[in-house]
Amino acid sequence: IMGLREYLRPVAIIPLGYPAEKPRYIPSRKLEVYEEGIDF
């Protein structure tokens, strides 16, 4: 997914059905893992 990392860089909040405890910052390292499950 091109550009997704730059799009979510300032505040990477993923409220798209993830079993996340709370909306929070996601480091670039983890964001790469999340990218595979995001449907944009």
C-alpha atoms as a PDB file:
ATOM      1  CA  ILE A   1       0.000   0.000   0.000  1.00  0.00           C
ATOM      2  CA  MET A   2       1.864   3.052  -1.198  1.00  0.00           C
ATOM      3  CA  GLY A   3       1.657   6.269   0.772  1.00  0.00           C
ATOM      4  CA  LEU A   4      -0.278   4.775   3.652  1.00  0.00           C
ATOM      5  CA  ARG A   5       2.643   5.162   6.024  1.00  0.00           C
ATOM      6  CA  GLU A   6       2.969   8.863   5.205  1.00  0.00           C
ATOM      7  CA  TYR A   7      -0.803   9.288   5.478  1.00  0.00           C
ATOM      8  CA  LEU A   8      -0.926   7.842   8.978  1.00  0.00           C
ATOM      9  CA  ARG A   9       2.433   9.103  10.206  1.00  0.00           C
ATOM     10  CA  PRO A  10       1.314  12.138  12.315  1.00  0.00           C
ATOM     11  CA  VAL A  11      -1.300  10.173  14.264  1.00  0.00           C
ATOM     12  CA  ALA A  12      -1.568   6.531  13.340  1.00  0.00           C
ATOM     13  CA  ILE A  13      -4.955   5.621  14.781  1.00  0.00           C
ATOM     14  CA  ILE A  14      -6.483   2.381  13.517  1.00  0.00           C
ATOM     15  CA  PRO A  15     -10.140   2.169  14.599  1.00  0.00           C
ATOM     16  CA  LEU A  16     -11.020  -0.233  11.761  1.00  0.00           C
ATOM     17  CA  GLY A  17     -12.149  -3.263  13.694  1.00  0.00           C
ATOM     18  CA  TYR A  18      -8.795  -4.021  15.243  1.00  0.00           C
ATOM     19  CA  PRO A  19      -8.900  -5.419  18.774  1.00  0.00           C
ATOM     20  CA  ALA A  20      -6.911  -2.392  19.880  1.00  0.00           C
ATOM     21  CA  GLU A  21      -6.970  -1.430  23.535  1.00  0.00           C
ATOM     22  CA  LYS A  22      -7.157   2.270  22.707  1.00  0.00           C
ATOM     23  CA  PRO A  23      -6.445   4.514  19.734  1.00  0.00           C
ATOM     24  CA  ARG A  24      -2.756   5.331  20.014  1.00  0.00           C
ATOM     25  CA  TYR A  25       0.436   6.079  18.148  1.00  0.00           C
ATOM     26  CA  ILE A  26       1.763   3.178  16.117  1.00  0.00           C
ATOM     27  CA  PRO A  27       5.511   3.249  15.416  1.00  0.00           C
ATOM     28  CA  SER A  28       6.562   2.891  11.779  1.00  0.00           C
ATOM     29  CA  ARG A  29       7.809  -0.613  12.526  1.00  0.00           C
ATOM     30  CA  LYS A  30       4.420  -1.803  13.737  1.00  0.00           C
ATOM     31  CA  LEU A  31       2.582   0.151  11.049  1.00  0.00           C
ATOM     32  CA  GLU A  32       4.171  -2.061   8.406  1.00  0.00           C
ATOM     33  CA  VAL A  33       2.546  -5.051  10.095  1.00  0.00           C
ATOM     34  CA  TYR A  34      -0.820  -3.293  10.305  1.00  0.00           C
ATOM     35  CA  GLU A  35      -0.675  -2.305   6.615  1.00  0.00           C
ATOM     36  CA  GLU A  36      -1.281  -5.888   5.510  1.00  0.00           C
ATOM     37  CA  GLY A  37      -4.619  -6.024   7.319  1.00  0.00           C
ATOM     38  CA  ILE A  38      -5.910  -2.592   6.331  1.00  0.00           C
ATOM     39  CA  ASP A  39      -8.438  -2.454   3.506  1.00  0.00           C
ATOM     40  CA  PHE A  40      -8.238   0.960   1.837  1.00  0.00           C
END
